[in-house]
Amino acid sequence: MKKIYLLSLFLFIMLASQAQYSWVNKNPLTAGARCAATAFSSNNLGYLVGGFTQYPGVWVNEVWAYSPSTDSWTQKNSFPYANAGAASLSFGDSTFVIGGYIGSGNLSNSNHVYNTASDSWTPKASFPATGISGPFQFVINGIGYLGAGERQGANTSTTVYSYNPTFDSWNQVANYPESVEGMVGFAIDSLGYAGLGGDGSNHLSSGFYKYSPTANTWTAIAAFPGELRNSALAFVLNGKAYVGGGWTTIPNNISVIYDLGDFYEYDPASDTWAPVPGFPGRARQDFSAFTVNGGAYVIGGYNDNLGGTVSTVNEFGTCSILTGILPISGGNNKAGIEIYPNPSTNDVNVKILTDVTSEMKYEVVSVDGKLIKKGTTRQSNFGFNANNFADGVYILTITDGNGTQGAERFEVMH
């Protein structure tokens, strides 16, 4: 029996590891619809600053904090002015929010630091060039880097500046290879990466580059495999970057744009890209993301074709953490549960193959250890709706009053 259990456990781990990615719906942003907001994380919380509540036309200075442990939002002290498309550079408890669109065609170059402990904003040295919006940004070894993007009085720029929070000082570094805005940026280990975007007139860039602070140089990396795009999203998990969404143009007509929902993983160790499951909701642009405790949380955004700004929140995770579902105490009693159809689309039906004489508890967990759903039943046959589940692999566990457990794997494919 022990050998059978260990073999089942090994096969289960192999199956779980093959389904490496998951999207999970979370509680929406309490403040309502939001796009082009500035996002960052600190002390196990994610933060969202400003953004458009409707696009175009209405922008705010609200600040909201998200707790993954409670899946809830709390309003914080407001940013000093309403803005959208600002940049952020985070250093421990302190995050600097720079620039942004402030209305009437104007861009700010102000720089304010947020202290998470005191929930307060303090002005710092302004960005040294004209107002800026939609640049790339990343932090390497305690120094922030901010560059390109839309500039006050001009569509785009190539200039890049480093920021030292200790001395509150800016210094110009090597120019970005292209004059673009609406690109993505991220840092992995001691290198920065930036790419995509456009020239402000719907001409999109195919460039993707890495920056070495030591050499102060930009070098091209492997070409992005998806469609060219502006206003996309990027975040980093477990040493790899994930890039997706945004808007693109139809072939031979740059005046017609549409939004995207596909995502790609970049592995800097091999300099390769690979597709991963796309965004589960409406394709969109100008959405925001922060990473907290090994999960990335994607918030809001705007769909140009449907004309809507949204408040949805989705968590993206990988299967690097299996401790949330293994081991199962009491053994893996797979023979005691049947799930059908499998794969499921919307409705999941469960049959318990033993007599149910007392209340049974059940839990659905994703392969990366996240609790997705829980409930109770007194019936041998019951079900639940998986319409809001992301496509992927899940584990259903059932516990009776005596602690006996069964578990079964199932898939959701919409």
Protein backbone atom coordinates (compact mmCIF):
# COMPACT_ATOMS: atom_id res chain seq x y z
CA MET A 1 0.00 0.00 0.00
CA LYS A 2 2.81 2.40 0.87
CA LYS A 3 4.52 1.77 -2.48
CA ILE A 4 1.25 2.41 -4.33
CA TYR A 5 0.73 5.63 -2.40
CA LEU A 6 4.27 6.87 -3.11
CA LEU A 7 3.88 6.04 -6.81
CA SER A 8 0.57 7.91 -6.91
CA LEU A 9 2.19 10.83 -5.12
CA PHE A 10 5.05 10.89 -7.65
CA LEU A 11 2.65 10.79 -10.61
CA PHE A 12 0.57 13.52 -9.01
CA ILE A 13 3.61 15.76 -8.59
CA MET A 14 4.55 15.17 -12.23
CA LEU A 15 1.03 16.02 -13.40
CA ALA A 16 0.91 19.13 -11.23
CA SER A 17 4.32 20.28 -12.46
CA GLN A 18 3.22 20.03 -16.09
CA ALA A 19 0.46 22.60 -15.47
CA GLN A 20 2.84 25.38 -14.53
CA TYR A 21 0.60 28.41 -14.71
CA SER A 22 -2.73 29.57 -13.35
CA TRP A 23 -4.98 32.64 -13.39
CA VAL A 24 -7.35 33.04 -10.45
CA ASN A 25 -10.11 35.62 -10.09
CA LYS A 26 -9.87 37.72 -6.92
CA ASN A 27 -12.10 40.37 -5.36
CA PRO A 28 -12.32 43.43 -7.64
CA LEU A 29 -10.83 46.79 -6.78
CA THR A 30 -13.11 48.38 -4.17
CA ALA A 31 -12.67 51.81 -5.74
CA GLY A 32 -14.15 50.63 -9.03
CA ALA A 33 -12.84 50.72 -12.58
CA ARG A 34 -9.26 51.90 -13.06
CA CYS A 35 -6.64 52.00 -15.83
CA ALA A 36 -3.14 53.49 -16.24
CA ALA A 37 -2.67 53.40 -12.45
CA THR A 38 0.76 53.10 -10.84
CA ALA A 39 1.37 49.83 -8.98
CA PHE A 40 4.03 48.69 -6.51
CA SER A 41 4.39 46.36 -3.53
CA SER A 42 5.80 46.73 -0.01
CA ASN A 43 5.59 44.75 3.24
CA ASN A 44 3.31 42.01 1.88
CA LEU A 45 0.84 44.51 0.42
CA GLY A 46 0.24 45.75 -3.10
CA TYR A 47 -0.48 49.43 -3.80
CA LEU A 48 -2.34 51.22 -6.58
CA VAL A 49 -1.92 54.98 -7.12
CA GLY A 50 -4.05 57.27 -9.28
CA GLY A 51 -5.11 56.29 -12.78
CA PHE A 52 -8.17 56.88 -14.94
CA THR A 53 -11.58 55.83 -13.63
CA GLN A 54 -12.90 56.39 -17.15
CA TYR A 55 -10.78 56.74 -20.24
CA PRO A 56 -10.36 59.34 -21.46
CA GLY A 57 -11.41 62.09 -19.11
CA VAL A 58 -11.46 61.26 -15.40
CA TRP A 59 -8.29 60.72 -13.37
CA VAL A 60 -7.82 60.53 -9.61
CA ASN A 61 -5.26 60.76 -6.80
CA GLU A 62 -6.62 57.85 -4.74
CA VAL A 63 -4.28 55.29 -3.19
CA TRP A 64 -5.44 51.75 -2.40
CA ALA A 65 -3.63 48.87 -0.71
CA TYR A 66 -4.38 45.19 -1.39
CA SER A 67 -3.86 42.36 1.10
CA PRO A 68 -3.53 38.93 -0.59
CA SER A 69 -4.09 37.18 2.76
CA THR A 70 -7.59 38.66 3.11
CA ASP A 71 -8.24 39.38 -0.60
CA SER A 72 -9.35 42.89 0.36
CA TRP A 73 -8.60 46.55 -0.43
CA THR A 74 -8.03 49.45 2.00
CA GLN A 75 -7.86 53.12 1.06
CA LYS A 76 -4.70 54.99 2.06
CA ASN A 77 -3.69 58.67 2.12
CA SER A 78 -4.12 60.20 -1.31
CA PHE A 79 -1.29 61.07 -3.67
CA PRO A 80 -0.60 64.85 -3.82
CA TYR A 81 -2.25 65.27 -7.24
CA ALA A 82 -4.48 63.38 -9.67
CA ASN A 83 -2.43 61.58 -12.29
CA ALA A 84 -2.26 58.63 -14.66
CA GLY A 85 0.64 56.77 -16.23
CA ALA A 86 3.19 57.73 -13.57
CA ALA A 87 6.33 55.67 -12.92
CA SER A 88 7.40 54.08 -9.64
CA LEU A 89 10.74 53.03 -8.12
CA SER A 90 10.59 50.92 -4.95
CA PHE A 91 13.29 50.59 -2.29
CA GLY A 92 12.08 48.59 0.72
CA ASP A 93 9.57 50.62 2.74
CA SER A 94 9.90 53.62 0.41
CA THR A 95 8.48 53.96 -3.09
CA PHE A 96 8.98 56.99 -5.33
CA VAL A 97 6.16 57.90 -7.75
CA ILE A 98 7.36 60.09 -10.60
CA GLY A 99 5.58 62.14 -13.26
CA GLY A 100 2.32 61.15 -14.89
CA TYR A 101 -0.43 62.77 -16.94
CA ILE A 102 -2.11 65.61 -14.99
CA GLY A 103 -4.66 66.90 -17.49
CA SER A 104 -4.99 69.45 -20.32
CA GLY A 105 -2.20 67.74 -22.22
CA ASN A 106 0.30 68.31 -19.42
CA LEU A 107 2.76 65.87 -17.89
CA SER A 108 4.32 66.20 -14.45
CA ASN A 109 8.00 65.78 -13.54
CA SER A 110 7.43 65.74 -9.76
CA ASN A 111 8.79 63.01 -7.51
CA HIS A 112 7.09 62.01 -4.25
CA VAL A 113 8.16 59.25 -1.88
CA TYR A 114 5.60 57.11 -0.06
CA ASN A 115 6.44 55.70 3.35
CA THR A 116 4.35 52.60 4.02
CA ALA A 117 4.85 52.76 7.80
CA SER A 118 3.56 56.32 8.17
CA ASP A 119 1.20 56.25 5.14
CA SER A 120 2.61 59.61 4.04
CA TRP A 121 3.90 61.34 0.90
CA THR A 122 6.97 63.60 0.82
CA PRO A 123 8.29 65.61 -2.18
CA LYS A 124 11.77 64.75 -3.46
CA ALA A 125 14.06 65.90 -6.28
CA SER A 126 12.04 66.25 -9.48
CA PHE A 127 12.74 64.21 -12.59
CA PRO A 128 15.46 66.26 -14.35
CA ALA A 129 13.83 66.48 -17.78
CA THR A 130 10.40 67.76 -18.79
CA GLY A 131 7.24 66.03 -17.61
CA ILE A 132 7.15 62.29 -18.25
CA SER A 133 4.52 59.56 -18.62
CA GLY A 134 4.57 55.92 -19.70
CA PRO A 135 8.34 55.28 -19.40
CA PHE A 136 10.10 52.05 -18.52
CA GLN A 137 11.32 51.71 -14.95
CA PHE A 138 13.27 49.23 -12.85
CA VAL A 139 15.54 49.04 -9.79
CA ILE A 140 18.97 47.35 -9.75
CA ASN A 141 21.16 47.07 -6.66
CA GLY A 142 19.50 49.98 -4.87
CA ILE A 143 19.53 52.37 -7.85
CA GLY A 144 16.42 53.19 -9.89
CA TYR A 145 16.38 53.63 -13.66
CA LEU A 146 13.73 55.57 -15.55
CA GLY A 147 13.67 56.49 -19.20
CA ALA A 148 12.25 56.95 -22.67
CA GLY A 149 8.46 57.40 -22.56
CA GLU A 150 6.25 60.34 -23.45
CA ARG A 151 7.69 63.77 -22.63
CA GLN A 152 6.15 67.20 -22.17
CA GLY A 153 6.32 69.08 -25.47
CA ALA A 154 7.42 66.03 -27.50
CA ASN A 155 5.97 62.65 -28.36
CA THR A 156 8.84 60.48 -27.11
CA SER A 157 12.44 60.50 -25.94
CA THR A 158 15.52 58.28 -25.68
CA THR A 159 17.02 59.79 -22.52
CA VAL A 160 17.43 57.63 -19.41
CA TYR A 161 18.23 58.69 -15.84
CA SER A 162 19.32 56.84 -12.73
CA TYR A 163 18.01 57.79 -9.30
CA ASN A 164 19.88 57.35 -6.01
CA PRO A 165 17.39 57.44 -3.12
CA THR A 166 20.13 57.87 -0.51
CA PHE A 167 21.34 61.16 -2.00
CA ASP A 168 18.01 62.08 -3.66
CA SER A 169 19.89 62.66 -6.91
CA TRP A 170 19.42 62.02 -10.63
CA ASN A 171 22.14 61.25 -13.19
CA GLN A 172 21.83 60.71 -16.93
CA VAL A 173 22.98 57.31 -18.22
CA ALA A 174 23.18 55.69 -21.65
CA ASN A 175 20.26 56.55 -23.92
CA TYR A 176 17.65 53.92 -24.70
CA PRO A 177 18.17 52.58 -28.26
CA GLU A 178 14.79 53.85 -29.51
CA SER A 179 12.55 56.88 -29.00
CA VAL A 180 9.37 55.21 -27.75
CA GLU A 181 6.63 55.36 -25.11
CA GLY A 182 4.26 52.78 -23.64
CA MET A 183 6.97 50.14 -23.30
CA VAL A 184 7.49 47.61 -20.51
CA GLY A 185 10.45 47.34 -18.13
CA PHE A 186 11.65 44.95 -15.44
CA ALA A 187 14.83 43.85 -13.65
CA ILE A 188 16.16 40.34 -13.02
CA ASP A 189 19.29 39.84 -10.96
CA SER A 190 21.67 42.68 -11.85
CA LEU A 191 20.32 43.55 -15.30
CA GLY A 192 17.42 45.68 -16.49
CA TYR A 193 15.17 44.92 -19.44
CA ALA A 194 12.89 47.12 -21.54
CA GLY A 195 11.08 46.77 -24.84
CA LEU A 196 8.07 47.17 -27.13
CA GLY A 197 6.07 50.44 -27.13
CA GLY A 198 5.66 52.91 -29.99
CA ASP A 199 6.56 56.34 -31.33
CA GLY A 200 3.35 58.03 -30.21
CA SER A 201 1.81 57.79 -33.70
CA ASN A 202 0.79 54.11 -33.68
CA HIS A 203 4.10 52.94 -35.20
CA LEU A 204 5.09 50.04 -32.94
CA SER A 205 8.58 48.91 -31.95
CA SER A 206 9.92 45.36 -32.14
CA GLY A 207 12.94 46.19 -29.98
CA PHE A 208 13.72 44.48 -26.67
CA TYR A 209 16.96 45.24 -24.84
CA LYS A 210 18.87 44.53 -21.63
CA TYR A 211 20.78 47.17 -19.68
CA SER A 212 24.02 46.60 -17.77
CA PRO A 213 24.60 49.24 -15.06
CA THR A 214 28.24 48.16 -14.80
CA ALA A 215 28.98 48.73 -18.49
CA ASN A 216 26.26 51.39 -18.92
CA THR A 217 25.20 49.73 -22.19
CA TRP A 218 22.05 48.48 -23.89
CA THR A 219 22.16 45.16 -25.80
CA ALA A 220 19.42 43.54 -27.89
CA ILE A 221 17.92 40.30 -26.53
CA ALA A 222 15.86 37.61 -28.27
CA ALA A 223 12.99 39.03 -30.29
CA PHE A 224 9.59 39.17 -28.60
CA PRO A 225 7.53 36.35 -30.22
CA GLY A 226 4.07 37.92 -30.09
CA GLU A 227 2.48 40.76 -31.97
CA LEU A 228 4.07 44.17 -31.56
CA ARG A 229 2.24 46.19 -28.94
CA ASN A 230 1.95 49.34 -26.85
CA SER A 231 0.74 49.76 -23.24
CA ALA A 232 1.45 46.13 -22.36
CA LEU A 233 2.19 44.72 -18.91
CA ALA A 234 5.27 43.05 -17.40
CA PHE A 235 6.00 41.44 -14.04
CA VAL A 236 8.65 39.09 -12.62
CA LEU A 237 8.13 35.82 -10.74
CA ASN A 238 10.77 33.27 -9.71
CA GLY A 239 13.49 34.81 -11.87
CA LYS A 240 11.44 34.96 -15.06
CA ALA A 241 9.50 37.79 -16.67
CA TYR A 242 5.93 37.68 -18.00
CA VAL A 243 4.88 40.14 -20.69
CA GLY A 244 1.47 40.46 -22.32
CA GLY A 245 -1.65 42.40 -23.12
CA GLY A 246 -1.58 45.88 -24.60
CA TRP A 247 -2.85 47.10 -27.96
CA THR A 248 -1.68 46.55 -31.52
CA THR A 249 -2.69 47.65 -35.03
CA ILE A 250 -4.16 45.68 -37.91
CA PRO A 251 -1.79 44.95 -40.82
CA ASN A 252 -1.35 47.81 -43.31
CA ASN A 253 -3.59 50.18 -41.33
CA ILE A 254 -2.03 51.70 -38.21
CA SER A 255 -5.10 53.80 -37.54
CA VAL A 256 -7.13 50.75 -36.47
CA ILE A 257 -6.11 49.21 -33.15
CA TYR A 258 -7.32 46.30 -31.04
CA ASP A 259 -6.43 44.92 -27.62
CA LEU A 260 -4.55 41.74 -26.76
CA GLY A 261 -4.72 39.19 -23.94
CA ASP A 262 -1.81 36.85 -24.74
CA PHE A 263 1.19 36.46 -22.41
CA TYR A 264 4.77 35.25 -22.86
CA GLU A 265 7.47 34.10 -20.44
CA TYR A 266 11.05 35.33 -20.77
CA ASP A 267 13.90 33.26 -19.33
CA PRO A 268 17.05 35.39 -19.05
CA ALA A 269 19.24 32.32 -18.42
CA SER A 270 18.54 30.99 -21.93
CA ASP A 271 17.46 34.27 -23.55
CA THR A 272 14.27 32.62 -24.79
CA TRP A 273 10.56 33.41 -24.91
CA ALA A 274 7.69 30.93 -24.58
CA PRO A 275 3.89 31.41 -24.61
CA VAL A 276 1.97 30.91 -21.37
CA PRO A 277 -1.80 30.90 -20.73
CA GLY A 278 -3.31 34.19 -21.79
CA PHE A 279 -5.22 36.59 -19.62
CA PRO A 280 -8.54 34.96 -18.64
CA GLY A 281 -10.72 38.07 -18.92
CA ARG A 282 -11.27 40.74 -21.51
CA ALA A 283 -8.22 41.65 -23.61
CA ARG A 284 -6.93 45.00 -22.43
CA GLN A 285 -4.31 47.72 -22.32
CA ASP A 286 -2.99 50.03 -19.60
CA PHE A 287 -3.54 47.56 -16.78
CA SER A 288 -1.38 47.43 -13.65
CA ALA A 289 0.39 44.70 -11.69
CA PHE A 290 2.29 44.13 -8.47
CA THR A 291 3.89 40.99 -7.06
CA VAL A 292 3.34 39.93 -3.46
CA ASN A 293 4.41 36.68 -1.74
CA GLY A 294 5.15 34.79 -4.94
CA GLY A 295 2.02 35.81 -6.82
CA ALA A 296 1.41 38.53 -9.40
CA TYR A 297 -1.82 40.51 -9.20
CA VAL A 298 -3.15 42.14 -12.38
CA ILE A 299 -5.59 44.99 -11.86
CA GLY A 300 -8.02 46.91 -14.04
CA GLY A 301 -7.21 48.09 -17.55
CA TYR A 302 -9.07 49.35 -20.56
CA ASN A 303 -10.53 47.67 -23.64
CA ASP A 304 -10.59 50.04 -26.57
CA ASN A 305 -13.04 48.06 -28.71
CA LEU A 306 -15.58 47.59 -25.92
CA GLY A 307 -14.98 51.09 -24.58
CA GLY A 308 -14.67 50.05 -20.98
CA THR A 309 -12.38 50.53 -17.99
CA VAL A 310 -12.65 47.61 -15.55
CA SER A 311 -12.07 46.86 -11.86
CA THR A 312 -11.17 43.17 -12.09
CA VAL A 313 -8.27 41.58 -10.21
CA ASN A 314 -6.60 38.35 -11.32
CA GLU A 315 -3.73 36.49 -9.70
CA PHE A 316 -1.12 34.80 -11.86
CA GLY A 317 1.02 32.07 -10.32
CA THR A 318 3.34 29.21 -11.16
CA CYS A 319 3.65 25.74 -9.63
CA SER A 320 6.92 26.47 -7.83
CA ILE A 321 5.05 25.98 -4.52
CA LEU A 322 3.41 22.58 -4.01
CA THR A 323 3.39 22.52 -0.21
CA GLY A 324 -0.13 23.93 -0.15
CA ILE A 325 -1.55 20.69 -1.57
CA LEU A 326 0.97 18.01 -0.60
CA PRO A 327 1.08 15.77 1.26
CA ILE A 328 -2.53 14.74 1.87
CA SER A 329 -2.84 13.32 5.38
CA GLY A 330 -4.50 9.93 5.48
CA GLY A 331 -3.40 9.01 1.96
CA ASN A 332 -4.59 9.81 -1.53
CA ASN A 333 -7.90 7.95 -1.67
CA LYS A 334 -8.56 8.66 -5.36
CA ALA A 335 -10.84 5.67 -5.72
CA GLY A 336 -13.38 7.34 -3.44
CA ILE A 337 -14.16 10.34 -5.70
CA GLU A 338 -15.29 10.75 -9.29
CA ILE A 339 -15.36 14.12 -11.09
CA TYR A 340 -17.17 14.62 -14.38
CA PRO A 341 -16.95 15.95 -16.96
CA ASN A 342 -13.18 16.06 -16.81
CA PRO A 343 -12.01 18.39 -18.26
CA SER A 344 -14.86 20.63 -17.10
CA THR A 345 -16.03 23.86 -18.68
CA ASN A 346 -18.48 25.52 -16.31
CA ASP A 347 -20.20 22.95 -14.06
CA VAL A 348 -18.14 20.45 -12.08
CA ASN A 349 -20.01 17.36 -10.83
CA VAL A 350 -18.66 15.27 -7.97
CA LYS A 351 -19.67 11.75 -6.91
CA ILE A 352 -18.49 10.35 -3.56
CA LEU A 353 -18.32 6.58 -3.84
CA THR A 354 -18.91 5.88 -0.15
CA ASP A 355 -21.96 6.45 2.03
CA VAL A 356 -22.28 10.02 3.25
CA THR A 357 -23.60 9.93 6.80
CA SER A 358 -22.39 13.31 8.03
CA GLU A 359 -21.37 16.68 6.72
CA MET A 360 -18.40 16.56 4.34
CA LYS A 361 -16.03 19.47 3.74
CA TYR A 362 -14.43 20.06 0.37
CA GLU A 363 -11.69 22.33 -0.93
CA VAL A 364 -10.46 23.13 -4.43
CA VAL A 365 -6.79 24.09 -4.65
CA SER A 366 -4.78 25.19 -7.69
CA VAL A 367 -1.52 23.42 -8.51
CA ASP A 368 0.46 26.34 -7.09
CA GLY A 369 -1.16 25.85 -3.67
CA LYS A 370 -3.83 28.58 -3.78
CA LEU A 371 -7.22 27.88 -2.18
CA ILE A 372 -9.81 28.57 -4.91
CA LYS A 373 -13.08 27.31 -3.39
CA LYS A 374 -14.39 25.57 -0.27
CA GLY A 375 -17.75 24.34 0.96
CA THR A 376 -19.72 21.55 2.61
CA THR A 377 -22.12 18.84 1.44
CA ARG A 378 -24.33 16.10 2.90
CA GLN A 379 -24.96 14.51 -0.50
CA SER A 380 -23.10 11.76 -2.33
CA ASN A 381 -23.61 13.75 -5.53
CA PHE A 382 -22.97 17.48 -5.55
CA GLY A 383 -21.42 20.11 -7.78
CA PHE A 384 -20.12 23.64 -8.12
CA ASN A 385 -19.61 26.22 -10.84
CA ALA A 386 -16.13 26.76 -12.32
CA ASN A 387 -17.05 29.57 -14.66
CA ASN A 388 -14.67 31.95 -12.86
CA PHE A 389 -11.81 29.43 -12.64
CA ALA A 390 -8.82 30.04 -14.88
CA ASP A 391 -8.01 27.27 -17.34
CA GLY A 392 -5.70 24.77 -15.65
CA VAL A 393 -5.36 21.85 -13.24
CA TYR A 394 -7.00 21.73 -9.79
CA ILE A 395 -7.14 19.33 -6.85
CA LEU A 396 -10.39 18.55 -5.02
CA THR A 397 -10.02 17.20 -1.47
CA ILE A 398 -12.86 15.92 0.72
CA THR A 399 -12.83 15.44 4.49
CA ASP A 400 -15.48 13.74 6.60
CA GLY A 401 -16.12 14.09 10.33
CA ASN A 402 -13.56 11.41 11.15
CA GLY A 403 -10.82 13.10 9.15
CA THR A 404 -10.79 10.59 6.30
CA GLN A 405 -9.77 12.37 3.10
CA GLY A 406 -9.99 11.71 -0.59
CA ALA A 407 -8.44 13.71 -3.41
CA GLU A 408 -8.86 13.85 -7.15
CA ARG A 409 -7.31 15.88 -9.94
CA PHE A 410 -9.44 17.66 -12.54
CA GLU A 411 -8.98 20.22 -15.27
CA VAL A 412 -10.93 23.29 -16.30
CA MET A 413 -10.96 24.26 -19.97
CA HIS A 414 -13.38 27.00 -21.08
